[in-house]
Amino acid sequence: MGSVGDCFDNSMIEAFWSRMQIELLDRQRWRTRIEMANAIFEYLEIWHNRRRRHSALGWLSPIEFESNSKIVVA
C-alpha cells in the first residue's frame, strides 16, 4: 500500500473486490444476509488468506510460502 491518499490504494482494493466478485459472489445467490456474510468470511479467512496462490509470493499459497521460508535456528 502507498501513502495516505495514494491513488494506487484504490486500484488495489478494486482489483481485490473484482476478484472476489468473480470467484464468489457471482457464482450463487444466498437466501439470507447471514449466509452471504458466512460465505464472505470463509472466502477471506480460509480461501484467500490461506490457500489461494498469490502472485506476490511467487504463485504459492501463503501456507506453502511460509513453510518454504522457515529458517532453522541452530
N, C-alpha and C. Protein backbone atom coordinates (compact mmCIF):
# COMPACT_ATOMS: atom_id res chain seq x y z
N MET A 1 0.83 -1.17 0.00
CA MET A 1 0.00 0.00 0.00
C MET A 1 0.89 1.24 0.00
N GLY A 2 0.34 2.29 -0.51
CA GLY A 2 1.09 3.54 -0.61
C GLY A 2 0.84 4.44 0.58
N SER A 3 1.14 5.69 0.40
CA SER A 3 0.95 6.67 1.46
C SER A 3 -0.52 7.07 1.53
N VAL A 4 -0.86 7.89 2.51
CA VAL A 4 -2.24 8.33 2.69
C VAL A 4 -2.69 9.10 1.46
N GLY A 5 -3.86 8.73 0.96
CA GLY A 5 -4.40 9.43 -0.20
C GLY A 5 -3.77 9.03 -1.52
N ASP A 6 -3.01 7.96 -1.53
CA ASP A 6 -2.34 7.50 -2.75
C ASP A 6 -3.36 6.89 -3.70
N CYS A 7 -3.32 7.29 -4.96
CA CYS A 7 -4.30 6.81 -5.93
C CYS A 7 -4.17 5.31 -6.20
N PHE A 8 -3.02 4.72 -5.92
CA PHE A 8 -2.83 3.30 -6.18
C PHE A 8 -3.54 2.42 -5.16
N ASP A 9 -3.83 2.96 -3.97
CA ASP A 9 -4.56 2.19 -2.97
C ASP A 9 -5.92 1.77 -3.50
N ASN A 10 -6.61 2.68 -4.17
CA ASN A 10 -7.94 2.38 -4.69
C ASN A 10 -7.87 1.27 -5.74
N SER A 11 -6.89 1.29 -6.60
CA SER A 11 -6.80 0.26 -7.64
C SER A 11 -6.54 -1.12 -7.04
N MET A 12 -5.79 -1.18 -5.94
CA MET A 12 -5.52 -2.46 -5.30
C MET A 12 -6.79 -3.06 -4.70
N ILE A 13 -7.57 -2.24 -4.00
CA ILE A 13 -8.79 -2.77 -3.40
C ILE A 13 -9.83 -3.07 -4.46
N GLU A 14 -9.87 -2.27 -5.52
CA GLU A 14 -10.80 -2.54 -6.62
C GLU A 14 -10.47 -3.88 -7.28
N ALA A 15 -9.20 -4.18 -7.44
CA ALA A 15 -8.79 -5.46 -8.01
C ALA A 15 -9.20 -6.61 -7.09
N PHE A 16 -9.03 -6.41 -5.79
CA PHE A 16 -9.43 -7.44 -4.82
C PHE A 16 -10.93 -7.69 -4.87
N TRP A 17 -11.74 -6.61 -4.83
CA TRP A 17 -13.20 -6.76 -4.86
C TRP A 17 -13.65 -7.41 -6.15
N SER A 18 -13.00 -7.04 -7.24
CA SER A 18 -13.34 -7.62 -8.54
C SER A 18 -13.11 -9.13 -8.54
N ARG A 19 -11.98 -9.54 -7.99
CA ARG A 19 -11.66 -10.97 -7.92
C ARG A 19 -12.66 -11.70 -7.04
N MET A 20 -13.00 -11.12 -5.89
CA MET A 20 -13.97 -11.76 -5.00
C MET A 20 -15.34 -11.84 -5.68
N GLN A 21 -15.70 -10.83 -6.43
CA GLN A 21 -16.98 -10.84 -7.15
C GLN A 21 -17.02 -12.02 -8.12
N ILE A 22 -15.94 -12.23 -8.87
CA ILE A 22 -15.88 -13.30 -9.86
C ILE A 22 -15.82 -14.68 -9.19
N GLU A 23 -14.96 -14.82 -8.18
CA GLU A 23 -14.73 -16.13 -7.57
C GLU A 23 -15.82 -16.56 -6.60
N LEU A 24 -16.58 -15.61 -6.06
CA LEU A 24 -17.55 -15.97 -5.02
C LEU A 24 -18.95 -15.43 -5.29
N LEU A 25 -19.07 -14.14 -5.38
CA LEU A 25 -20.40 -13.52 -5.35
C LEU A 25 -21.22 -13.78 -6.60
N ASP A 26 -20.59 -13.89 -7.76
CA ASP A 26 -21.33 -14.12 -9.00
C ASP A 26 -21.74 -15.57 -9.20
N ARG A 27 -21.27 -16.46 -8.36
CA ARG A 27 -21.49 -17.90 -8.57
C ARG A 27 -22.79 -18.43 -7.97
N GLN A 28 -23.38 -17.73 -7.03
CA GLN A 28 -24.61 -18.23 -6.43
C GLN A 28 -25.38 -17.11 -5.75
N ARG A 29 -26.59 -17.42 -5.34
CA ARG A 29 -27.42 -16.49 -4.58
C ARG A 29 -27.62 -17.08 -3.18
N TRP A 30 -27.66 -16.21 -2.20
CA TRP A 30 -27.87 -16.64 -0.82
C TRP A 30 -29.28 -16.26 -0.40
N ARG A 31 -29.85 -17.08 0.47
CA ARG A 31 -31.22 -16.82 0.95
C ARG A 31 -31.25 -15.72 2.00
N THR A 32 -30.18 -15.61 2.79
CA THR A 32 -30.14 -14.59 3.85
C THR A 32 -28.82 -13.85 3.81
N ARG A 33 -28.80 -12.71 4.47
CA ARG A 33 -27.55 -11.94 4.58
C ARG A 33 -26.53 -12.69 5.43
N ILE A 34 -27.00 -13.44 6.39
CA ILE A 34 -26.10 -14.21 7.25
C ILE A 34 -25.37 -15.27 6.44
N GLU A 35 -26.08 -15.96 5.56
CA GLU A 35 -25.44 -16.95 4.68
C GLU A 35 -24.37 -16.29 3.82
N MET A 36 -24.69 -15.11 3.27
CA MET A 36 -23.71 -14.41 2.44
C MET A 36 -22.52 -13.95 3.27
N ALA A 37 -22.78 -13.43 4.47
CA ALA A 37 -21.69 -12.99 5.35
C ALA A 37 -20.78 -14.16 5.70
N ASN A 38 -21.36 -15.33 5.97
CA ASN A 38 -20.55 -16.52 6.27
C ASN A 38 -19.73 -16.95 5.06
N ALA A 39 -20.31 -16.86 3.87
CA ALA A 39 -19.57 -17.21 2.65
C ALA A 39 -18.41 -16.25 2.43
N ILE A 40 -18.62 -14.97 2.67
CA ILE A 40 -17.55 -13.98 2.52
C ILE A 40 -16.45 -14.25 3.55
N PHE A 41 -16.84 -14.54 4.79
CA PHE A 41 -15.87 -14.86 5.83
C PHE A 41 -15.02 -16.06 5.43
N GLU A 42 -15.67 -17.13 4.97
CA GLU A 42 -14.93 -18.32 4.53
C GLU A 42 -14.00 -18.00 3.37
N TYR A 43 -14.48 -17.21 2.42
CA TYR A 43 -13.65 -16.83 1.28
C TYR A 43 -12.39 -16.11 1.75
N LEU A 44 -12.56 -15.15 2.65
CA LEU A 44 -11.42 -14.36 3.10
C LEU A 44 -10.48 -15.16 4.00
N GLU A 45 -11.03 -15.76 5.04
CA GLU A 45 -10.19 -16.39 6.05
C GLU A 45 -9.65 -17.76 5.65
N ILE A 46 -10.42 -18.52 4.90
CA ILE A 46 -9.97 -19.87 4.55
C ILE A 46 -9.37 -19.92 3.16
N TRP A 47 -10.03 -19.36 2.18
CA TRP A 47 -9.54 -19.46 0.80
C TRP A 47 -8.49 -18.40 0.50
N HIS A 48 -8.83 -17.13 0.57
CA HIS A 48 -7.93 -16.06 0.11
C HIS A 48 -6.68 -15.96 0.97
N ASN A 49 -6.83 -15.95 2.28
CA ASN A 49 -5.69 -15.73 3.16
C ASN A 49 -4.82 -16.96 3.38
N ARG A 50 -5.33 -18.17 3.13
CA ARG A 50 -4.55 -19.37 3.43
C ARG A 50 -4.22 -20.23 2.22
N ARG A 51 -5.15 -20.38 1.28
CA ARG A 51 -4.96 -21.36 0.20
C ARG A 51 -4.74 -20.77 -1.18
N ARG A 52 -5.30 -19.60 -1.44
CA ARG A 52 -5.22 -19.03 -2.79
C ARG A 52 -3.78 -18.66 -3.11
N ARG A 53 -3.36 -18.97 -4.33
CA ARG A 53 -2.00 -18.64 -4.76
C ARG A 53 -1.92 -17.15 -5.05
N HIS A 54 -0.85 -16.51 -4.58
CA HIS A 54 -0.68 -15.07 -4.72
C HIS A 54 0.54 -14.78 -5.59
N SER A 55 0.39 -13.87 -6.52
CA SER A 55 1.50 -13.53 -7.42
C SER A 55 2.67 -12.94 -6.65
N ALA A 56 2.40 -12.18 -5.59
CA ALA A 56 3.47 -11.57 -4.81
C ALA A 56 4.31 -12.61 -4.06
N LEU A 57 3.79 -13.82 -3.92
CA LEU A 57 4.51 -14.90 -3.22
C LEU A 57 5.07 -15.92 -4.19
N GLY A 58 5.23 -15.52 -5.44
CA GLY A 58 5.75 -16.45 -6.44
C GLY A 58 4.75 -17.53 -6.80
N TRP A 59 3.49 -17.17 -6.78
CA TRP A 59 2.38 -18.08 -7.11
C TRP A 59 2.28 -19.27 -6.15
N LEU A 60 2.67 -19.04 -4.91
CA LEU A 60 2.49 -20.03 -3.84
C LEU A 60 1.34 -19.58 -2.95
N SER A 61 0.71 -20.52 -2.28
CA SER A 61 -0.27 -20.14 -1.27
C SER A 61 0.50 -19.60 -0.07
N PRO A 62 -0.13 -18.80 0.78
CA PRO A 62 0.58 -18.30 1.95
C PRO A 62 1.15 -19.41 2.83
N ILE A 63 0.44 -20.52 2.96
CA ILE A 63 0.93 -21.63 3.77
C ILE A 63 2.17 -22.26 3.13
N GLU A 64 2.14 -22.46 1.81
CA GLU A 64 3.31 -23.01 1.11
C GLU A 64 4.50 -22.06 1.23
N PHE A 65 4.24 -20.77 1.06
CA PHE A 65 5.31 -19.77 1.15
C PHE A 65 5.93 -19.78 2.54
N GLU A 66 5.09 -19.82 3.56
CA GLU A 66 5.58 -19.81 4.92
C GLU A 66 6.40 -21.07 5.23
N SER A 67 5.94 -22.22 4.79
CA SER A 67 6.69 -23.45 5.07
C SER A 67 8.02 -23.48 4.32
N ASN A 68 8.07 -22.87 3.13
CA ASN A 68 9.33 -22.80 2.38
C ASN A 68 10.29 -21.77 2.95
N SER A 69 9.77 -20.83 3.73
CA SER A 69 10.58 -19.72 4.22
C SER A 69 11.07 -19.90 5.64
N LYS A 70 10.75 -21.01 6.27
CA LYS A 70 11.15 -21.20 7.66
C LYS A 70 12.66 -21.30 7.76
N ILE A 71 13.20 -20.60 8.73
CA ILE A 71 14.64 -20.59 8.96
C ILE A 71 14.94 -21.48 10.17
N VAL A 72 15.88 -22.37 10.01
CA VAL A 72 16.27 -23.25 11.10
C VAL A 72 17.33 -22.53 11.93
N VAL A 73 17.05 -22.40 13.22
CA VAL A 73 17.98 -21.74 14.14
C VAL A 73 18.73 -22.84 14.88
N ALA A 74 20.06 -22.76 14.81
CA ALA A 74 20.88 -23.80 15.45
C ALA A 74 21.24 -23.43 16.85
